[in-house]
Amino acid sequence: MSEAFTSLTTIVAKMPALTKPRTDFINHVLLLFLRLRNRINFLMLARHSQQYVESTYRLHFNEFHDFAAMNTAFVQKHDSGHFMWAFDVSYLPKSGKKNTGRGQILVR
């Protein structure tokens, strides 16, 4: 976990147009995302943080941050040439009695 966090910290530090408080906040949130295993919401983040309160998380998440660029830089830094996309749709509610393909893995 420390290697991934160190890599993300350096990528966030190199992102343009981020102030020092915003950079510190993003690093703090990324560390919490790596640590917490349950469902994550603002109240849960505030509960596990001694640095920020719930309203601070809400204010910071109202501002735009280019997570796509950050993820792209992280993947390019650790590129092995082999990629796999995975989507977890198990959180979607089931509707009706019959849902074809529900609970099955599609491999192509």
PDB file of N, CA and C in Angstrom:
ATOM      1  N   MET A   1       0.829  -1.197   0.000  1.00  0.00           N
ATOM      2  CA  MET A   1       0.000   0.000   0.000  1.00  0.00           C
ATOM      3  C   MET A   1       0.865   1.249   0.000  1.00  0.00           C
ATOM      4  N   SER A   2       2.009   1.230   0.655  1.00  0.00           N
ATOM      5  CA  SER A   2       2.826   2.435   0.748  1.00  0.00           C
ATOM      6  C   SER A   2       3.410   2.817  -0.609  1.00  0.00           C
ATOM      7  N   GLU A   3       3.735   1.823  -1.454  1.00  0.00           N
ATOM      8  CA  GLU A   3       4.265   2.137  -2.782  1.00  0.00           C
ATOM      9  C   GLU A   3       3.199   2.804  -3.643  1.00  0.00           C
ATOM     10  N   ALA A   4       1.995   2.301  -3.595  1.00  0.00           N
ATOM     11  CA  ALA A   4       0.900   2.890  -4.367  1.00  0.00           C
ATOM     12  C   ALA A   4       0.595   4.296  -3.868  1.00  0.00           C
ATOM     13  N   PHE A   5       0.571   4.464  -2.549  1.00  0.00           N
ATOM     14  CA  PHE A   5       0.275   5.787  -2.000  1.00  0.00           C
ATOM     15  C   PHE A   5       1.378   6.779  -2.332  1.00  0.00           C
ATOM     16  N   THR A   6       2.640   6.354  -2.257  1.00  0.00           N
ATOM     17  CA  THR A   6       3.761   7.238  -2.603  1.00  0.00           C
ATOM     18  C   THR A   6       3.682   7.650  -4.063  1.00  0.00           C
ATOM     19  N   SER A   7       3.341   6.711  -4.920  1.00  0.00           N
ATOM     20  CA  SER A   7       3.206   7.012  -6.342  1.00  0.00           C
ATOM     21  C   SER A   7       2.062   7.993  -6.595  1.00  0.00           C
ATOM     22  N   LEU A   8       0.934   7.775  -5.943  1.00  0.00           N
ATOM     23  CA  LEU A   8      -0.203   8.693  -6.100  1.00  0.00           C
ATOM     24  C   LEU A   8       0.121  10.076  -5.546  1.00  0.00           C
ATOM     25  N   THR A   9       0.874  10.124  -4.463  1.00  0.00           N
ATOM     26  CA  THR A   9       1.252  11.417  -3.874  1.00  0.00           C
ATOM     27  C   THR A   9       2.121  12.222  -4.827  1.00  0.00           C
ATOM     28  N   THR A  10       3.069  11.565  -5.479  1.00  0.00           N
ATOM     29  CA  THR A  10       3.918  12.285  -6.434  1.00  0.00           C
ATOM     30  C   THR A  10       3.130  12.737  -7.650  1.00  0.00           C
ATOM     31  N   ILE A  11       2.171  11.940  -8.089  1.00  0.00           N
ATOM     32  CA  ILE A  11       1.339  12.325  -9.238  1.00  0.00           C
ATOM     33  C   ILE A  11       0.467  13.515  -8.882  1.00  0.00           C
ATOM     34  N   VAL A  12      -0.119  13.508  -7.689  1.00  0.00           N
ATOM     35  CA  VAL A  12      -0.959  14.640  -7.261  1.00  0.00           C
ATOM     36  C   VAL A  12      -0.115  15.898  -7.110  1.00  0.00           C
ATOM     37  N   ALA A  13       1.106  15.764  -6.610  1.00  0.00           N
ATOM     38  CA  ALA A  13       1.978  16.927  -6.438  1.00  0.00           C
ATOM     39  C   ALA A  13       2.345  17.562  -7.775  1.00  0.00           C
ATOM     40  N   LYS A  14       2.401  16.770  -8.832  1.00  0.00           N
ATOM     41  CA  LYS A  14       2.769  17.290 -10.160  1.00  0.00           C
ATOM     42  C   LYS A  14       1.578  17.848 -10.928  1.00  0.00           C
ATOM     43  N   MET A  15       0.363  17.660 -10.419  1.00  0.00           N
ATOM     44  CA  MET A  15      -0.807  18.150 -11.145  1.00  0.00           C
ATOM     45  C   MET A  15      -0.874  19.676 -11.077  1.00  0.00           C
ATOM     46  N   PRO A  16      -1.124  20.296 -12.218  1.00  0.00           N
ATOM     47  CA  PRO A  16      -1.178  21.761 -12.231  1.00  0.00           C
ATOM     48  C   PRO A  16      -2.472  22.285 -11.601  1.00  0.00           C
ATOM     49  N   ALA A  17      -2.428  23.506 -11.186  1.00  0.00           N
ATOM     50  CA  ALA A  17      -3.593  24.241 -10.663  1.00  0.00           C
ATOM     51  C   ALA A  17      -4.163  23.656  -9.383  1.00  0.00           C
ATOM     52  N   LEU A  18      -3.341  22.991  -8.586  1.00  0.00           N
ATOM     53  CA  LEU A  18      -3.781  22.523  -7.281  1.00  0.00           C
ATOM     54  C   LEU A  18      -3.038  23.306  -6.207  1.00  0.00           C
ATOM     55  N   THR A  19      -3.796  23.861  -5.290  1.00  0.00           N
ATOM     56  CA  THR A  19      -3.173  24.585  -4.189  1.00  0.00           C
ATOM     57  C   THR A  19      -2.645  23.586  -3.170  1.00  0.00           C
ATOM     58  N   LYS A  20      -1.828  24.065  -2.250  1.00  0.00           N
ATOM     59  CA  LYS A  20      -1.258  23.190  -1.223  1.00  0.00           C
ATOM     60  C   LYS A  20      -2.341  22.566  -0.340  1.00  0.00           C
ATOM     61  N   PRO A  21      -3.341  23.334   0.140  1.00  0.00           N
ATOM     62  CA  PRO A  21      -4.400  22.696   0.932  1.00  0.00           C
ATOM     63  C   PRO A  21      -5.194  21.649   0.146  1.00  0.00           C
ATOM     64  N   ARG A  22      -5.433  21.934  -1.125  1.00  0.00           N
ATOM     65  CA  ARG A  22      -6.172  20.974  -1.965  1.00  0.00           C
ATOM     66  C   ARG A  22      -5.346  19.706  -2.190  1.00  0.00           C
ATOM     67  N   THR A  23      -4.056  19.856  -2.409  1.00  0.00           N
ATOM     68  CA  THR A  23      -3.164  18.713  -2.573  1.00  0.00           C
ATOM     69  C   THR A  23      -3.130  17.866  -1.302  1.00  0.00           C
ATOM     70  N   ASP A  24      -3.024  18.521  -0.154  1.00  0.00           N
ATOM     71  CA  ASP A  24      -3.030  17.792   1.120  1.00  0.00           C
ATOM     72  C   ASP A  24      -4.347  17.051   1.324  1.00  0.00           C
ATOM     73  N   PHE A  25      -5.455  17.698   0.957  1.00  0.00           N
ATOM     74  CA  PHE A  25      -6.757  17.065   1.111  1.00  0.00           C
ATOM     75  C   PHE A  25      -6.881  15.839   0.216  1.00  0.00           C
ATOM     76  N   ILE A  26      -6.486  15.949  -1.036  1.00  0.00           N
ATOM     77  CA  ILE A  26      -6.591  14.820  -1.973  1.00  0.00           C
ATOM     78  C   ILE A  26      -5.716  13.662  -1.510  1.00  0.00           C
ATOM     79  N   ASN A  27      -4.512  13.960  -1.033  1.00  0.00           N
ATOM     80  CA  ASN A  27      -3.646  12.908  -0.514  1.00  0.00           C
ATOM     81  C   ASN A  27      -4.279  12.231   0.694  1.00  0.00           C
ATOM     82  N   HIS A  28      -4.903  13.013   1.554  1.00  0.00           N
ATOM     83  CA  HIS A  28      -5.562  12.469   2.739  1.00  0.00           C
ATOM     84  C   HIS A  28      -6.733  11.560   2.341  1.00  0.00           C
ATOM     85  N   VAL A  29      -7.537  11.997   1.377  1.00  0.00           N
ATOM     86  CA  VAL A  29      -8.685  11.213   0.932  1.00  0.00           C
ATOM     87  C   VAL A  29      -8.228   9.926   0.242  1.00  0.00           C
ATOM     88  N   LEU A  30      -7.180  10.004  -0.563  1.00  0.00           N
ATOM     89  CA  LEU A  30      -6.675   8.802  -1.225  1.00  0.00           C
ATOM     90  C   LEU A  30      -6.178   7.780  -0.207  1.00  0.00           C
ATOM     91  N   LEU A  31      -5.534   8.254   0.845  1.00  0.00           N
ATOM     92  CA  LEU A  31      -5.082   7.349   1.897  1.00  0.00           C
ATOM     93  C   LEU A  31      -6.271   6.687   2.589  1.00  0.00           C
ATOM     94  N   LEU A  32      -7.316   7.460   2.842  1.00  0.00           N
ATOM     95  CA  LEU A  32      -8.515   6.882   3.452  1.00  0.00           C
ATOM     96  C   LEU A  32      -9.192   5.884   2.516  1.00  0.00           C
ATOM     97  N   PHE A  33      -9.216   6.178   1.219  1.00  0.00           N
ATOM     98  CA  PHE A  33      -9.808   5.249   0.254  1.00  0.00           C
ATOM     99  C   PHE A  33      -9.059   3.920   0.245  1.00  0.00           C
ATOM    100  N   LEU A  34      -7.743   3.970   0.406  1.00  0.00           N
ATOM    101  CA  LEU A  34      -6.960   2.738   0.432  1.00  0.00           C
ATOM    102  C   LEU A  34      -7.136   1.976   1.739  1.00  0.00           C
ATOM    103  N   ARG A  35      -7.453   2.672   2.816  1.00  0.00           N
ATOM    104  CA  ARG A  35      -7.572   2.036   4.125  1.00  0.00           C
ATOM    105  C   ARG A  35      -8.954   1.479   4.417  1.00  0.00           C
ATOM    106  N   LEU A  36      -9.998   2.206   4.024  1.00  0.00           N
ATOM    107  CA  LEU A  36     -11.355   1.807   4.384  1.00  0.00           C
ATOM    108  C   LEU A  36     -11.852   0.691   3.480  1.00  0.00           C
ATOM    109  N   ARG A  37     -12.535  -0.266   4.070  1.00  0.00           N
ATOM    110  CA  ARG A  37     -13.014  -1.414   3.310  1.00  0.00           C
ATOM    111  C   ARG A  37     -14.518  -1.376   3.070  1.00  0.00           C
ATOM    112  N   ASN A  38     -15.235  -0.644   3.862  1.00  0.00           N
ATOM    113  CA  ASN A  38     -16.687  -0.623   3.744  1.00  0.00           C
ATOM    114  C   ASN A  38     -17.132   0.444   2.762  1.00  0.00           C
ATOM    115  N   ARG A  39     -18.433   0.625   2.728  1.00  0.00           N
ATOM    116  CA  ARG A  39     -19.006   1.687   1.908  1.00  0.00           C
ATOM    117  C   ARG A  39     -18.480   3.026   2.401  1.00  0.00           C
ATOM    118  N   ILE A  40     -18.093   3.889   1.475  1.00  0.00           N
ATOM    119  CA  ILE A  40     -17.466   5.154   1.851  1.00  0.00           C
ATOM    120  C   ILE A  40     -18.424   6.298   1.540  1.00  0.00           C
ATOM    121  N   ASN A  41     -18.684   7.137   2.549  1.00  0.00           N
ATOM    122  CA  ASN A  41     -19.445   8.360   2.360  1.00  0.00           C
ATOM    123  C   ASN A  41     -18.776   9.456   3.206  1.00  0.00           C
ATOM    124  N   PHE A  42     -19.301  10.668   3.143  1.00  0.00           N
ATOM    125  CA  PHE A  42     -18.649  11.774   3.835  1.00  0.00           C
ATOM    126  C   PHE A  42     -18.636  11.590   5.347  1.00  0.00           C
ATOM    127  N   LEU A  43     -19.711  11.053   5.880  1.00  0.00           N
ATOM    128  CA  LEU A  43     -19.773  10.820   7.318  1.00  0.00           C
ATOM    129  C   LEU A  43     -18.729   9.782   7.743  1.00  0.00           C
ATOM    130  N   MET A  44     -18.568   8.739   6.936  1.00  0.00           N
ATOM    131  CA  MET A  44     -17.575   7.708   7.236  1.00  0.00           C
ATOM    132  C   MET A  44     -16.156   8.278   7.139  1.00  0.00           C
ATOM    133  N   LEU A  45     -15.911   9.115   6.146  1.00  0.00           N
ATOM    134  CA  LEU A  45     -14.586   9.735   6.021  1.00  0.00           C
ATOM    135  C   LEU A  45     -14.289  10.614   7.233  1.00  0.00           C
ATOM    136  N   ALA A  46     -15.271  11.391   7.662  1.00  0.00           N
ATOM    137  CA  ALA A  46     -15.076  12.260   8.822  1.00  0.00           C
ATOM    138  C   ALA A  46     -14.878  11.450  10.097  1.00  0.00           C
ATOM    139  N   ARG A  47     -15.534  10.332  10.185  1.00  0.00           N
ATOM    140  CA  ARG A  47     -15.422   9.479  11.360  1.00  0.00           C
ATOM    141  C   ARG A  47     -14.010   8.894  11.500  1.00  0.00           C
ATOM    142  N   HIS A  48     -13.368   8.603  10.378  1.00  0.00           N
ATOM    143  CA  HIS A  48     -12.036   8.004  10.392  1.00  0.00           C
ATOM    144  C   HIS A  48     -10.927   9.036  10.241  1.00  0.00           C
ATOM    145  N   SER A  49     -11.270  10.304  10.322  1.00  0.00           N
ATOM    146  CA  SER A  49     -10.284  11.361  10.152  1.00  0.00           C
ATOM    147  C   SER A  49     -10.277  12.270  11.373  1.00  0.00           C
ATOM    148  N   GLN A  50      -9.102  12.631  11.808  1.00  0.00           N
ATOM    149  CA  GLN A  50      -8.977  13.616  12.886  1.00  0.00           C
ATOM    150  C   GLN A  50      -8.621  14.989  12.328  1.00  0.00           C
ATOM    151  N   GLN A  51      -8.479  15.051  11.016  1.00  0.00           N
ATOM    152  CA  GLN A  51      -8.013  16.270  10.373  1.00  0.00           C
ATOM    153  C   GLN A  51      -9.145  17.100   9.763  1.00  0.00           C
ATOM    154  N   TYR A  52     -10.182  16.438   9.230  1.00  0.00           N
ATOM    155  CA  TYR A  52     -11.259  17.138   8.531  1.00  0.00           C
ATOM    156  C   TYR A  52     -12.606  16.721   9.092  1.00  0.00           C
ATOM    157  N   VAL A  53     -13.599  17.605   8.951  1.00  0.00           N
ATOM    158  CA  VAL A  53     -14.970  17.304   9.362  1.00  0.00           C
ATOM    159  C   VAL A  53     -15.808  17.036   8.107  1.00  0.00           C
ATOM    160  N   GLU A  54     -17.030  16.577   8.296  1.00  0.00           N
ATOM    161  CA  GLU A  54     -17.886  16.185   7.181  1.00  0.00           C
ATOM    162  C   GLU A  54     -18.122  17.336   6.199  1.00  0.00           C
ATOM    163  N   SER A  55     -18.333  18.543   6.698  1.00  0.00           N
ATOM    164  CA  SER A  55     -18.591  19.683   5.803  1.00  0.00           C
ATOM    165  C   SER A  55     -17.375  20.002   4.931  1.00  0.00           C
ATOM    166  N   THR A  56     -16.182  19.766   5.443  1.00  0.00           N
ATOM    167  CA  THR A  56     -14.970  19.988   4.645  1.00  0.00           C
ATOM    168  C   THR A  56     -14.920  19.017   3.468  1.00  0.00           C
ATOM    169  N   TYR A  57     -15.284  17.771   3.707  1.00  0.00           N
ATOM    170  CA  TYR A  57     -15.321  16.793   2.608  1.00  0.00           C
ATOM    171  C   TYR A  57     -16.347  17.211   1.566  1.00  0.00           C
ATOM    172  N   ARG A  58     -17.510  17.667   2.021  1.00  0.00           N
ATOM    173  CA  ARG A  58     -18.542  18.096   1.076  1.00  0.00           C
ATOM    174  C   ARG A  58     -18.074  19.292   0.239  1.00  0.00           C
ATOM    175  N   LEU A  59     -17.424  20.254   0.869  1.00  0.00           N
ATOM    176  CA  LEU A  59     -16.940  21.426   0.141  1.00  0.00           C
ATOM    177  C   LEU A  59     -15.869  21.061  -0.879  1.00  0.00           C
ATOM    178  N   HIS A  60     -14.938  20.214  -0.485  1.00  0.00           N
ATOM    179  CA  HIS A  60     -13.862  19.835  -1.407  1.00  0.00           C
ATOM    180  C   HIS A  60     -14.376  18.977  -2.563  1.00  0.00           C
ATOM    181  N   PHE A  61     -15.347  18.107  -2.298  1.00  0.00           N
ATOM    182  CA  PHE A  61     -15.867  17.270  -3.369  1.00  0.00           C
ATOM    183  C   PHE A  61     -16.806  18.035  -4.293  1.00  0.00           C
ATOM    184  N   ASN A  62     -17.247  19.225  -3.907  1.00  0.00           N
ATOM    185  CA  ASN A  62     -18.015  20.071  -4.819  1.00  0.00           C
ATOM    186  C   ASN A  62     -17.132  20.680  -5.893  1.00  0.00           C
ATOM    187  N   GLU A  63     -15.843  20.816  -5.604  1.00  0.00           N
ATOM    188  CA  GLU A  63     -14.902  21.365  -6.576  1.00  0.00           C
ATOM    189  C   GLU A  63     -14.451  20.259  -7.530  1.00  0.00           C
ATOM    190  N   PHE A  64     -14.134  20.651  -8.747  1.00  0.00           N
ATOM    191  CA  PHE A  64     -13.711  19.687  -9.765  1.00  0.00           C
ATOM    192  C   PHE A  64     -12.271  19.247  -9.526  1.00  0.00           C
ATOM    193  N   HIS A  65     -12.044  17.966  -9.675  1.00  0.00           N
ATOM    194  CA  HIS A  65     -10.689  17.417  -9.701  1.00  0.00           C
ATOM    195  C   HIS A  65     -10.638  16.386 -10.820  1.00  0.00           C
ATOM    196  N   ASP A  66      -9.607  16.443 -11.623  1.00  0.00           N
ATOM    197  CA  ASP A  66      -9.490  15.567 -12.779  1.00  0.00           C
ATOM    198  C   ASP A  66      -8.931  14.208 -12.354  1.00  0.00           C
ATOM    199  N   PHE A  67      -9.817  13.362 -11.822  1.00  0.00           N
ATOM    200  CA  PHE A  67      -9.402  12.023 -11.404  1.00  0.00           C
ATOM    201  C   PHE A  67      -9.008  11.162 -12.595  1.00  0.00           C
ATOM    202  N   ALA A  68      -9.608  11.417 -13.759  1.00  0.00           N
ATOM    203  CA  ALA A  68      -9.267  10.643 -14.950  1.00  0.00           C
ATOM    204  C   ALA A  68      -7.808  10.877 -15.344  1.00  0.00           C
ATOM    205  N   ALA A  69      -7.354  12.124 -15.295  1.00  0.00           N
ATOM    206  CA  ALA A  69      -5.956  12.422 -15.612  1.00  0.00           C
ATOM    207  C   ALA A  69      -5.018  11.815 -14.575  1.00  0.00           C
ATOM    208  N   MET A  70      -5.435  11.840 -13.310  1.00  0.00           N
ATOM    209  CA  MET A  70      -4.622  11.252 -12.256  1.00  0.00           C
ATOM    210  C   MET A  70      -4.511   9.733 -12.436  1.00  0.00           C
ATOM    211  N   ASN A  71      -5.620   9.083 -12.754  1.00  0.00           N
ATOM    212  CA  ASN A  71      -5.588   7.641 -12.989  1.00  0.00           C
ATOM    213  C   ASN A  71      -4.774   7.284 -14.219  1.00  0.00           C
ATOM    214  N   THR A  72      -4.893   8.083 -15.276  1.00  0.00           N
ATOM    215  CA  THR A  72      -4.109   7.847 -16.488  1.00  0.00           C
ATOM    216  C   THR A  72      -2.617   7.966 -16.206  1.00  0.00           C
ATOM    217  N   ALA A  73      -2.226   8.971 -15.450  1.00  0.00           N
ATOM    218  CA  ALA A  73      -0.803   9.131 -15.099  1.00  0.00           C
ATOM    219  C   ALA A  73      -0.317   7.961 -14.243  1.00  0.00           C
ATOM    220  N   PHE A  74      -1.172   7.471 -13.337  1.00  0.00           N
ATOM    221  CA  PHE A  74      -0.796   6.337 -12.489  1.00  0.00           C
ATOM    222  C   PHE A  74      -0.607   5.071 -13.324  1.00  0.00           C
ATOM    223  N   VAL A  75      -1.522   4.832 -14.278  1.00  0.00           N
ATOM    224  CA  VAL A  75      -1.419   3.642 -15.127  1.00  0.00           C
ATOM    225  C   VAL A  75      -0.199   3.749 -16.032  1.00  0.00           C
ATOM    226  N   GLN A  76       0.065   4.918 -16.597  1.00  0.00           N
ATOM    227  CA  GLN A  76       1.226   5.076 -17.473  1.00  0.00           C
ATOM    228  C   GLN A  76       2.539   4.909 -16.712  1.00  0.00           C
ATOM    229  N   LYS A  77       2.548   5.294 -15.440  1.00  0.00           N
ATOM    230  CA  LYS A  77       3.762   5.145 -14.637  1.00  0.00           C
ATOM    231  C   LYS A  77       4.056   3.677 -14.333  1.00  0.00           C
ATOM    232  N   HIS A  78       3.016   2.895 -14.148  1.00  0.00           N
ATOM    233  CA  HIS A  78       3.165   1.484 -13.794  1.00  0.00           C
ATOM    234  C   HIS A  78       2.714   0.575 -14.926  1.00  0.00           C
ATOM    235  N   ASP A  79       2.923   0.999 -16.153  1.00  0.00           N
ATOM    236  CA  ASP A  79       2.474   0.270 -17.337  1.00  0.00           C
ATOM    237  C   ASP A  79       3.294  -1.004 -17.526  1.00  0.00           C
ATOM    238  N   SER A  80       2.581  -2.132 -17.639  1.00  0.00           N
ATOM    239  CA  SER A  80       3.253  -3.397 -17.930  1.00  0.00           C
ATOM    240  C   SER A  80       2.907  -3.894 -19.323  1.00  0.00           C
ATOM    241  N   GLY A  81       1.979  -3.231 -19.993  1.00  0.00           N
ATOM    242  CA  GLY A  81       1.566  -3.653 -21.315  1.00  0.00           C
ATOM    243  C   GLY A  81       0.363  -4.569 -21.300  1.00  0.00           C
ATOM    244  N   HIS A  82      -0.030  -5.062 -20.137  1.00  0.00           N
ATOM    245  CA  HIS A  82      -1.190  -5.929 -19.997  1.00  0.00           C
ATOM    246  C   HIS A  82      -2.252  -5.187 -19.199  1.00  0.00           C
ATOM    247  N   PHE A  83      -3.444  -5.062 -19.780  1.00  0.00           N
ATOM    248  CA  PHE A  83      -4.512  -4.330 -19.129  1.00  0.00           C
ATOM    249  C   PHE A  83      -5.764  -5.186 -19.040  1.00  0.00           C
ATOM    250  N   MET A  84      -6.549  -4.944 -18.009  1.00  0.00           N
ATOM    251  CA  MET A  84      -7.822  -5.636 -17.849  1.00  0.00           C
ATOM    252  C   MET A  84      -8.821  -4.654 -17.241  1.00  0.00           C
ATOM    253  N   TRP A  85     -10.002  -4.596 -17.815  1.00  0.00           N
ATOM    254  CA  TRP A  85     -11.075  -3.768 -17.281  1.00  0.00           C
ATOM    255  C   TRP A  85     -12.014  -4.656 -16.496  1.00  0.00           C
ATOM    256  N   ALA A  86     -12.419  -4.195 -15.331  1.00  0.00           N
ATOM    257  CA  ALA A  86     -13.361  -4.960 -14.513  1.00  0.00           C
ATOM    258  C   ALA A  86     -14.403  -4.012 -13.939  1.00  0.00           C
ATOM    259  N   PHE A  87     -15.642  -4.414 -14.011  1.00  0.00           N
ATOM    260  CA  PHE A  87     -16.740  -3.635 -13.451  1.00  0.00           C
ATOM    261  C   PHE A  87     -17.503  -4.522 -12.475  1.00  0.00           C
ATOM    262  N   ASP A  88     -17.724  -4.019 -11.299  1.00  0.00           N
ATOM    263  CA  ASP A  88     -18.493  -4.749 -10.292  1.00  0.00           C
ATOM    264  C   ASP A  88     -19.912  -4.221 -10.299  1.00  0.00           C
ATOM    265  N   VAL A  89     -20.825  -4.979 -10.851  1.00  0.00           N
ATOM    266  CA  VAL A  89     -22.221  -4.553 -10.924  1.00  0.00           C
ATOM    267  C   VAL A  89     -23.072  -5.271  -9.880  1.00  0.00           C
ATOM    268  N   SER A  90     -22.436  -5.860  -8.907  1.00  0.00           N
ATOM    269  CA  SER A  90     -23.185  -6.602  -7.895  1.00  0.00           C
ATOM    270  C   SER A  90     -24.004  -5.681  -6.998  1.00  0.00           C
ATOM    271  N   TYR A  91     -23.690  -4.388  -6.990  1.00  0.00           N
ATOM    272  CA  TYR A  91     -24.441  -3.452  -6.158  1.00  0.00           C
ATOM    273  C   TYR A  91     -25.768  -3.044  -6.797  1.00  0.00           C
ATOM    274  N   LEU A  92     -25.973  -3.361  -8.069  1.00  0.00           N
ATOM    275  CA  LEU A  92     -27.210  -2.996  -8.747  1.00  0.00           C
ATOM    276  C   LEU A  92     -28.363  -3.830  -8.204  1.00  0.00           C
ATOM    277  N   PRO A  93     -29.510  -3.213  -7.936  1.00  0.00           N
ATOM    278  CA  PRO A  93     -30.631  -3.983  -7.405  1.00  0.00           C
ATOM    279  C   PRO A  93     -31.234  -4.878  -8.475  1.00  0.00           C
ATOM    280  N   LYS A  94     -31.727  -6.011  -8.050  1.00  0.00           N
ATOM    281  CA  LYS A  94     -32.381  -6.934  -8.952  1.00  0.00           C
ATOM    282  C   LYS A  94     -33.845  -6.534  -9.077  1.00  0.00           C
ATOM    283  N   SER A  95     -34.354  -6.511 -10.291  1.00  0.00           N
ATOM    284  CA  SER A  95     -35.773  -6.205 -10.479  1.00  0.00           C
ATOM    285  C   SER A  95     -36.411  -7.338 -11.264  1.00  0.00           C
ATOM    286  N   GLY A  96     -37.534  -7.788 -10.827  1.00  0.00           N
ATOM    287  CA  GLY A  96     -38.222  -8.876 -11.506  1.00  0.00           C
ATOM    288  C   GLY A  96     -37.743 -10.233 -11.037  1.00  0.00           C
ATOM    289  N   LYS A  97     -38.394 -11.269 -11.545  1.00  0.00           N
ATOM    290  CA  LYS A  97     -38.050 -12.624 -11.135  1.00  0.00           C
ATOM    291  C   LYS A  97     -36.957 -13.227 -11.992  1.00  0.00           C
ATOM    292  N   LYS A  98     -36.818 -12.739 -13.214  1.00  0.00           N
ATOM    293  CA  LYS A  98     -35.840 -13.335 -14.126  1.00  0.00           C
ATOM    294  C   LYS A  98     -34.905 -12.252 -14.656  1.00  0.00           C
ATOM    295  N   ASN A  99     -33.652 -12.408 -14.395  1.00  0.00           N
ATOM    296  CA  ASN A  99     -32.624 -11.531 -14.954  1.00  0.00           C
ATOM    297  C   ASN A  99     -31.567 -12.419 -15.571  1.00  0.00           C
ATOM    298  N   THR A 100     -31.529 -12.454 -16.879  1.00  0.00           N
ATOM    299  CA  THR A 100     -30.556 -13.318 -17.537  1.00  0.00           C
ATOM    300  C   THR A 100     -29.158 -12.774 -17.342  1.00  0.00           C
ATOM    301  N   GLY A 101     -28.240 -13.649 -17.010  1.00  0.00           N
ATOM    302  CA  GLY A 101     -26.846 -13.261 -16.848  1.00  0.00           C
ATOM    303  C   GLY A 101     -26.495 -12.716 -15.488  1.00  0.00           C
ATOM    304  N   ARG A 102     -27.463 -12.545 -14.648  1.00  0.00           N
ATOM    305  CA  ARG A 102     -27.206 -12.014 -13.290  1.00  0.00           C
ATOM    306  C   ARG A 102     -26.406 -13.051 -12.494  1.00  0.00           C
ATOM    307  N   GLY A 103     -25.280 -12.621 -11.936  1.00  0.00           N
ATOM    308  CA  GLY A 103     -24.459 -13.523 -11.141  1.00  0.00           C
ATOM    309  C   GLY A 103     -23.498 -14.352 -11.958  1.00  0.00           C
ATOM    310  N   GLN A 104     -23.393 -14.080 -13.241  1.00  0.00           N
ATOM    311  CA  GLN A 104     -22.471 -14.830 -14.089  1.00  0.00           C
ATOM    312  C   GLN A 104     -21.362 -13.917 -14.561  1.00  0.00           C
ATOM    313  N   ILE A 105     -20.224 -14.493 -14.842  1.00  0.00           N
ATOM    314  CA  ILE A 105     -19.069 -13.730 -15.323  1.00  0.00           C
ATOM    315  C   ILE A 105     -18.944 -13.920 -16.818  1.00  0.00           C
ATOM    316  N   LEU A 106     -18.792 -12.819 -17.530  1.00  0.00           N
ATOM    317  CA  LEU A 106     -18.633 -12.860 -18.973  1.00  0.00           C
ATOM    318  C   LEU A 106     -17.169 -12.729 -19.308  1.00  0.00           C
ATOM    319  N   VAL A 107     -16.585 -13.722 -19.940  1.00  0.00           N
ATOM    320  CA  VAL A 107     -15.172 -13.703 -20.309  1.00  0.00           C
ATOM    321  C   VAL A 107     -15.071 -13.810 -21.814  1.00  0.00           C
ATOM    322  N   ARG A 108     -14.351 -12.886 -22.379  1.00  0.00           N
ATOM    323  CA  ARG A 108     -14.160 -12.920 -23.847  1.00  0.00           C
ATOM    324  C   ARG A 108     -12.705 -12.915 -24.169  1.00  0.00           C
TER     325      ARG A 108
END
